[in-house]
């Protein structure tokens, strides 16, 4: 069964947020929810809220390899908003002012942690650990627990007392 959303009534551009609401309304119907997410992405692929909705849909559906590209998009968007390089690997300690953690910085660091987690848990452990280490390096206060998450991933979930 293929579900779709009418994206062109000829008069007005579709509202991506109204379309995304279909994902919430169809929470008990994952196929319909995904159709709403994909339709919203088709209408507004460069909208931060739409991308976050897509990330959350795939994350909470435990489809982490599909959530990761949306987290990566958010990293790049956050970097652009802060006038930083879009390649997260080029971020150096101190390049993101995490003092007081203003919203744009939180968005960037949290997206990097999400990207790391999604990759680590979907089999791209090395890339995941690299992203988590970068998040920990640019946020010395480790406000999102990147270092703790990286440690957990590196230990592959083993209890630290077993070492």
Protein backbone atom coordinates (compact mmCIF):
# COMPACT_ATOMS: atom_id res chain seq x y z
CA UNK A 1 0.00 0.00 0.00
CA UNK A 2 1.49 3.34 -1.02
CA UNK A 3 0.27 6.49 0.64
CA UNK A 4 0.82 9.95 -0.70
CA UNK A 5 -0.16 13.50 0.05
CA UNK A 6 -1.54 15.84 -2.60
CA UNK A 7 1.20 18.43 -2.92
CA UNK A 8 -0.17 20.61 -5.69
CA UNK A 9 -3.70 21.94 -5.70
CA UNK A 10 -2.68 24.53 -8.28
CA UNK A 11 -3.52 27.60 -6.18
CA UNK A 12 -1.19 27.81 -3.21
CA UNK A 13 2.03 26.14 -2.27
CA UNK A 14 1.52 23.30 0.20
CA UNK A 15 2.22 24.01 3.85
CA UNK A 16 4.98 21.60 4.95
CA UNK A 17 3.93 21.91 8.58
CA UNK A 18 0.36 20.92 7.82
CA UNK A 19 1.76 17.94 5.94
CA UNK A 20 4.07 17.06 8.86
CA UNK A 21 1.07 17.17 11.18
CA UNK A 22 -0.06 14.12 9.26
CA UNK A 23 2.94 12.27 10.64
CA UNK A 24 1.89 13.08 14.20
CA UNK A 25 -1.73 12.19 13.52
CA UNK A 26 -0.70 8.87 12.02
CA UNK A 27 1.75 7.91 14.75
CA UNK A 28 0.12 4.50 15.12
CA UNK A 29 0.43 4.04 11.35
CA UNK A 30 4.16 4.20 10.54
CA UNK A 31 3.61 3.93 6.80
CA UNK A 32 1.30 6.94 6.77
CA UNK A 33 3.64 8.85 9.08
CA UNK A 34 6.60 8.23 6.81
CA UNK A 35 4.57 9.31 3.78
CA UNK A 36 3.83 12.59 5.56
CA UNK A 37 7.49 13.09 6.44
CA UNK A 38 8.60 12.42 2.87
CA UNK A 39 5.92 14.74 1.50
CA UNK A 40 7.03 17.54 3.84
CA UNK A 41 10.64 17.00 2.76
CA UNK A 42 9.57 17.23 -0.87
CA UNK A 43 7.87 20.58 -0.22
CA UNK A 44 10.49 22.10 2.07
CA UNK A 45 13.78 20.16 1.97
CA UNK A 46 15.73 23.12 3.34
CA UNK A 47 13.49 23.87 6.30
CA UNK A 48 15.10 23.19 9.69
CA UNK A 49 11.84 22.18 11.38
CA UNK A 50 10.97 19.78 8.58
CA UNK A 51 14.44 18.21 8.77
CA UNK A 52 14.15 17.89 12.53
CA UNK A 53 10.76 16.23 12.06
CA UNK A 54 12.31 13.77 9.61
CA UNK A 55 15.23 13.10 11.96
CA UNK A 56 12.90 12.47 14.89
CA UNK A 57 10.63 10.21 12.86
CA UNK A 58 13.50 7.95 11.81
CA UNK A 59 15.22 8.14 15.20
CA UNK A 60 12.15 7.13 17.17
CA UNK A 61 11.36 4.44 14.60
CA UNK A 62 14.84 3.02 15.39
CA UNK A 63 15.89 3.57 11.79
CA UNK A 64 19.11 5.28 12.72
CA UNK A 65 20.88 4.93 9.38
CA UNK A 66 17.97 6.88 7.87
CA UNK A 67 18.03 9.46 10.68
CA UNK A 68 21.76 10.17 10.25
CA UNK A 69 21.54 12.13 6.96
CA UNK A 70 18.97 14.46 8.54
CA UNK A 71 21.25 15.01 11.54
CA UNK A 72 24.09 15.76 9.11
CA UNK A 73 21.88 18.28 7.29
CA UNK A 74 21.22 19.92 10.68
CA UNK A 75 24.95 20.10 11.42
CA UNK A 76 25.55 21.87 8.12
CA UNK A 77 22.59 24.19 8.67
CA UNK A 78 23.81 25.02 12.17
CA UNK A 79 27.29 25.72 10.88
CA UNK A 80 25.92 28.03 8.18
CA UNK A 81 23.88 29.90 10.80
CA UNK A 82 27.06 30.46 12.82
CA UNK A 83 29.16 31.31 9.75
CA UNK A 84 31.34 28.24 10.30
CA UNK A 85 32.58 25.66 7.82
CA UNK A 86 29.88 23.13 6.96
CA UNK A 87 32.31 20.20 7.31
CA UNK A 88 32.06 19.31 10.99
CA UNK A 89 35.50 17.70 10.88
CA UNK A 90 37.06 21.14 10.41
CA UNK A 91 35.57 22.54 13.61
CA UNK A 92 38.29 23.20 16.15
CA UNK A 93 38.02 23.53 19.91
CA UNK A 94 36.96 27.10 20.57
CA UNK A 95 35.39 27.55 17.12
CA UNK A 96 31.91 27.20 18.64
CA UNK A 97 31.31 29.46 21.64
CA UNK A 98 29.45 27.18 24.03
CA UNK A 99 29.57 29.69 26.88
CA UNK A 100 25.99 30.00 28.05
CA UNK A 101 25.08 27.71 25.15
CA UNK A 102 23.02 30.02 22.94
CA UNK A 103 20.43 28.28 20.76
CA UNK A 104 22.44 28.15 17.49
CA UNK A 105 25.41 26.57 19.25
CA UNK A 106 23.18 24.07 21.09
CA UNK A 107 21.58 23.11 17.78
CA UNK A 108 24.94 22.50 16.14
CA UNK A 109 26.45 20.48 19.00
CA UNK A 110 23.28 18.49 19.64
CA UNK A 111 23.02 17.66 15.93
CA UNK A 112 26.64 16.49 15.93
CA UNK A 113 25.98 14.25 18.94
CA UNK A 114 22.85 12.88 17.23
CA UNK A 115 24.83 12.21 14.05
CA UNK A 116 27.52 10.43 16.03
CA UNK A 117 25.02 8.29 17.93
CA UNK A 118 23.07 7.34 14.81
CA UNK A 119 26.22 6.29 12.99
CA UNK A 120 27.69 4.42 15.94
CA UNK A 121 24.49 2.49 16.56
CA UNK A 122 23.89 1.66 12.89
CA UNK A 123 27.27 0.04 12.26
CA UNK A 124 29.41 3.05 11.35
CA UNK A 125 31.14 2.96 14.71
CA UNK A 126 34.33 4.69 13.62
CA UNK A 127 32.46 7.62 12.06
CA UNK A 128 30.14 7.78 15.06
CA UNK A 129 33.04 7.92 17.50
CA UNK A 130 34.75 10.57 15.39
CA UNK A 131 31.64 12.77 15.45
CA UNK A 132 31.14 12.26 19.19
CA UNK A 133 34.78 13.10 19.87
CA UNK A 134 34.43 16.27 17.79
CA UNK A 135 31.30 17.27 19.74
CA UNK A 136 33.15 16.72 23.02
CA UNK A 137 36.13 18.72 21.76
CA UNK A 138 34.11 21.77 20.74
CA UNK A 139 31.97 21.67 23.90
CA UNK A 140 34.37 21.34 26.84
CA UNK A 141 31.46 21.36 29.32
CA UNK A 142 30.10 18.24 27.53
CA UNK A 143 26.57 19.58 27.90
CA UNK A 144 25.10 16.86 25.70
CA UNK A 145 27.20 14.01 27.07
CA UNK A 146 29.18 13.37 23.90
CA UNK A 147 32.21 12.09 25.82
CA UNK A 148 30.07 9.79 27.96
CA UNK A 149 28.24 8.48 24.89
CA UNK A 150 31.54 7.92 23.06
CA UNK A 151 32.84 5.99 26.06
CA UNK A 152 29.72 3.83 26.07
CA UNK A 153 30.04 3.16 22.34
CA UNK A 154 33.76 2.40 22.63
CA UNK A 155 33.06 -0.10 25.41
CA UNK A 156 30.25 -1.56 23.24
CA UNK A 157 27.83 -1.24 26.14
CA UNK A 158 29.94 -3.27 28.59
CA UNK A 159 29.74 -2.28 32.23
CA UNK A 160 32.79 -0.20 33.15
CA UNK A 161 33.40 -2.41 36.23
CA UNK A 162 34.42 -5.30 33.99
CA UNK A 163 37.61 -3.56 32.84
